[in-house]
Amino acid sequence: MNILMDVSVAGSQFPTAFTAVYVVGFIAAVSIGSIAWYNSKRPAGWEDKDRPDIVPEIKKEETPGL
């Protein structure tokens, strides 16, 4: 009986770590997506809006031959 209790206690950390990975991944995806959206062409009606200060400016490089 003690063995089963030890397994259940050790196994309870997996869902917490699993959830933490998904939460951190979601936050990273939203952050990266927001930066990409702000650096893309503006949708209709948003052309004159300023970029927020926290979003970095990304310089586009011209690729010859494309």
N, C-alpha and C. Protein backbone atom coordinates (compact mmCIF):
# COMPACT_ATOMS: atom_id res chain seq x y z
N MET A 1 0.82 -1.19 0.00
CA MET A 1 0.00 0.00 0.00
C MET A 1 0.87 1.26 0.00
N ASN A 2 1.97 1.22 0.73
CA ASN A 2 2.85 2.39 0.77
C ASN A 2 3.45 2.68 -0.61
N ILE A 3 3.70 1.63 -1.38
CA ILE A 3 4.28 1.83 -2.71
C ILE A 3 3.30 2.60 -3.60
N LEU A 4 2.03 2.28 -3.54
CA LEU A 4 1.03 2.97 -4.34
C LEU A 4 0.92 4.44 -3.95
N MET A 5 1.03 4.71 -2.66
CA MET A 5 0.95 6.09 -2.20
C MET A 5 2.17 6.89 -2.66
N ASP A 6 3.35 6.24 -2.66
CA ASP A 6 4.57 6.92 -3.14
C ASP A 6 4.47 7.24 -4.62
N VAL A 7 3.93 6.33 -5.40
CA VAL A 7 3.78 6.55 -6.84
C VAL A 7 2.80 7.69 -7.10
N SER A 8 1.71 7.75 -6.34
CA SER A 8 0.73 8.81 -6.57
C SER A 8 1.28 10.18 -6.19
N VAL A 9 2.11 10.25 -5.17
CA VAL A 9 2.71 11.52 -4.77
C VAL A 9 3.73 11.97 -5.81
N ALA A 10 4.56 11.07 -6.31
CA ALA A 10 5.57 11.42 -7.31
C ALA A 10 4.92 11.77 -8.64
N GLY A 11 3.82 11.15 -8.97
CA GLY A 11 3.16 11.41 -10.24
C GLY A 11 2.37 12.70 -10.26
N SER A 12 2.12 13.32 -9.13
CA SER A 12 1.32 14.54 -9.11
C SER A 12 2.08 15.75 -9.64
N GLN A 13 3.39 15.69 -9.78
CA GLN A 13 4.16 16.81 -10.29
C GLN A 13 4.12 16.88 -11.82
N PHE A 14 3.85 15.79 -12.49
CA PHE A 14 3.82 15.78 -13.96
C PHE A 14 2.78 16.73 -14.52
N PRO A 15 1.52 16.70 -14.07
CA PRO A 15 0.55 17.62 -14.67
C PRO A 15 0.90 19.09 -14.44
N THR A 16 1.52 19.40 -13.32
CA THR A 16 1.90 20.79 -13.04
C THR A 16 2.99 21.24 -14.01
N ALA A 17 4.00 20.42 -14.21
CA ALA A 17 5.07 20.76 -15.14
C ALA A 17 4.55 20.81 -16.56
N PHE A 18 3.68 19.89 -16.91
CA PHE A 18 3.09 19.83 -18.24
C PHE A 18 2.27 21.09 -18.50
N THR A 19 1.50 21.52 -17.54
CA THR A 19 0.70 22.73 -17.66
C THR A 19 1.59 23.96 -17.76
N ALA A 20 2.65 23.99 -16.98
CA ALA A 20 3.57 25.14 -17.00
C ALA A 20 4.22 25.29 -18.38
N VAL A 21 4.58 24.17 -19.00
CA VAL A 21 5.18 24.23 -20.35
C VAL A 21 4.19 24.81 -21.33
N TYR A 22 2.93 24.40 -21.25
CA TYR A 22 1.92 24.93 -22.16
C TYR A 22 1.64 26.41 -21.91
N VAL A 23 1.63 26.84 -20.67
CA VAL A 23 1.39 28.25 -20.35
C VAL A 23 2.54 29.11 -20.88
N VAL A 24 3.77 28.69 -20.64
CA VAL A 24 4.93 29.44 -21.12
C VAL A 24 4.95 29.46 -22.65
N GLY A 25 4.61 28.33 -23.27
CA GLY A 25 4.55 28.27 -24.73
C GLY A 25 3.49 29.18 -25.30
N PHE A 26 2.34 29.24 -24.66
CA PHE A 26 1.26 30.12 -25.13
C PHE A 26 1.68 31.58 -25.04
N ILE A 27 2.29 31.96 -23.93
CA ILE A 27 2.74 33.34 -23.76
C ILE A 27 3.81 33.68 -24.81
N ALA A 28 4.73 32.76 -25.07
CA ALA A 28 5.76 33.00 -26.09
C ALA A 28 5.14 33.13 -27.47
N ALA A 29 4.17 32.29 -27.79
CA ALA A 29 3.51 32.35 -29.10
C ALA A 29 2.77 33.67 -29.29
N VAL A 30 2.09 34.12 -28.25
CA VAL A 30 1.36 35.39 -28.34
C VAL A 30 2.34 36.55 -28.49
N SER A 31 3.45 36.52 -27.76
CA SER A 31 4.45 37.59 -27.85
C SER A 31 5.08 37.64 -29.23
N ILE A 32 5.53 36.50 -29.73
CA ILE A 32 6.17 36.45 -31.04
C ILE A 32 5.17 36.82 -32.14
N GLY A 33 3.95 36.34 -32.02
CA GLY A 33 2.92 36.69 -33.00
C GLY A 33 2.60 38.16 -33.01
N SER A 34 2.58 38.78 -31.84
CA SER A 34 2.31 40.22 -31.77
C SER A 34 3.42 41.03 -32.41
N ILE A 35 4.67 40.65 -32.16
CA ILE A 35 5.80 41.34 -32.77
C ILE A 35 5.73 41.19 -34.29
N ALA A 36 5.43 39.99 -34.77
CA ALA A 36 5.34 39.76 -36.21
C ALA A 36 4.20 40.57 -36.82
N TRP A 37 3.08 40.64 -36.14
CA TRP A 37 1.94 41.39 -36.66
C TRP A 37 2.25 42.88 -36.73
N TYR A 38 2.87 43.41 -35.69
CA TYR A 38 3.19 44.83 -35.67
C TYR A 38 4.23 45.19 -36.73
N ASN A 39 5.09 44.25 -37.08
CA ASN A 39 6.12 44.52 -38.09
C ASN A 39 5.66 44.21 -39.50
N SER A 40 4.47 43.69 -39.68
CA SER A 40 3.96 43.40 -41.01
C SER A 40 3.25 44.63 -41.58
N LYS A 41 2.76 44.48 -42.81
CA LYS A 41 1.98 45.58 -43.39
C LYS A 41 0.73 45.79 -42.54
N ARG A 42 0.34 47.01 -42.42
CA ARG A 42 -0.84 47.33 -41.61
C ARG A 42 -2.12 46.97 -42.37
N PRO A 43 -3.10 46.41 -41.68
CA PRO A 43 -4.39 46.16 -42.32
C PRO A 43 -5.07 47.48 -42.68
N ALA A 44 -6.08 47.42 -43.52
CA ALA A 44 -6.80 48.61 -43.94
C ALA A 44 -7.34 49.35 -42.73
N GLY A 45 -7.09 50.64 -42.66
CA GLY A 45 -7.54 51.46 -41.54
C GLY A 45 -6.49 51.62 -40.45
N TRP A 46 -5.42 50.83 -40.48
CA TRP A 46 -4.38 50.90 -39.46
C TRP A 46 -3.08 51.48 -40.01
N GLU A 47 -3.07 51.97 -41.26
CA GLU A 47 -1.83 52.44 -41.87
C GLU A 47 -1.20 53.61 -41.12
N ASP A 48 -1.99 54.47 -40.52
CA ASP A 48 -1.43 55.65 -39.86
C ASP A 48 -1.19 55.45 -38.36
N LYS A 49 -1.37 54.26 -37.86
CA LYS A 49 -1.15 53.99 -36.43
C LYS A 49 0.33 53.80 -36.15
N ASP A 50 0.79 54.27 -35.00
CA ASP A 50 2.20 54.14 -34.61
C ASP A 50 2.46 52.78 -33.98
N ARG A 51 3.69 52.34 -34.17
CA ARG A 51 4.13 51.07 -33.56
C ARG A 51 4.39 51.33 -32.07
N PRO A 52 3.95 50.42 -31.18
CA PRO A 52 4.24 50.60 -29.75
C PRO A 52 5.75 50.61 -29.49
N ASP A 53 6.18 51.30 -28.46
CA ASP A 53 7.60 51.44 -28.14
C ASP A 53 8.26 50.10 -27.79
N ILE A 54 7.50 49.15 -27.24
CA ILE A 54 8.10 47.89 -26.80
C ILE A 54 8.35 46.92 -27.95
N VAL A 55 7.78 47.20 -29.13
CA VAL A 55 7.96 46.31 -30.28
C VAL A 55 9.20 46.75 -31.04
N PRO A 56 10.18 45.82 -31.21
CA PRO A 56 11.41 46.21 -31.91
C PRO A 56 11.19 46.37 -33.41
N GLU A 57 11.98 47.24 -34.01
CA GLU A 57 11.95 47.45 -35.46
C GLU A 57 12.81 46.37 -36.11
N ILE A 58 12.27 45.67 -37.09
CA ILE A 58 13.00 44.61 -37.78
C ILE A 58 13.25 45.08 -39.21
N LYS A 59 14.53 45.11 -39.59
CA LYS A 59 14.91 45.55 -40.93
C LYS A 59 14.78 44.38 -41.89
N LYS A 60 14.16 44.60 -43.05
CA LYS A 60 14.04 43.57 -44.06
C LYS A 60 15.24 43.65 -45.00
N GLU A 61 15.81 42.49 -45.31
CA GLU A 61 16.94 42.43 -46.22
C GLU A 61 16.44 41.99 -47.59
N GLU A 62 16.96 42.63 -48.64
CA GLU A 62 16.60 42.25 -50.00
C GLU A 62 17.43 41.03 -50.38
N THR A 63 16.76 40.01 -50.90
CA THR A 63 17.45 38.81 -51.35
C THR A 63 17.59 38.87 -52.87
N PRO A 64 18.81 38.90 -53.39
CA PRO A 64 18.99 38.99 -54.84
C PRO A 64 18.50 37.72 -55.53
N GLY A 65 17.88 37.89 -56.66
CA GLY A 65 17.42 36.75 -57.45
C GLY A 65 16.04 36.27 -57.10
N LEU A 66 15.37 36.87 -56.15
CA LEU A 66 14.02 36.43 -55.81
C LEU A 66 13.00 37.45 -56.20
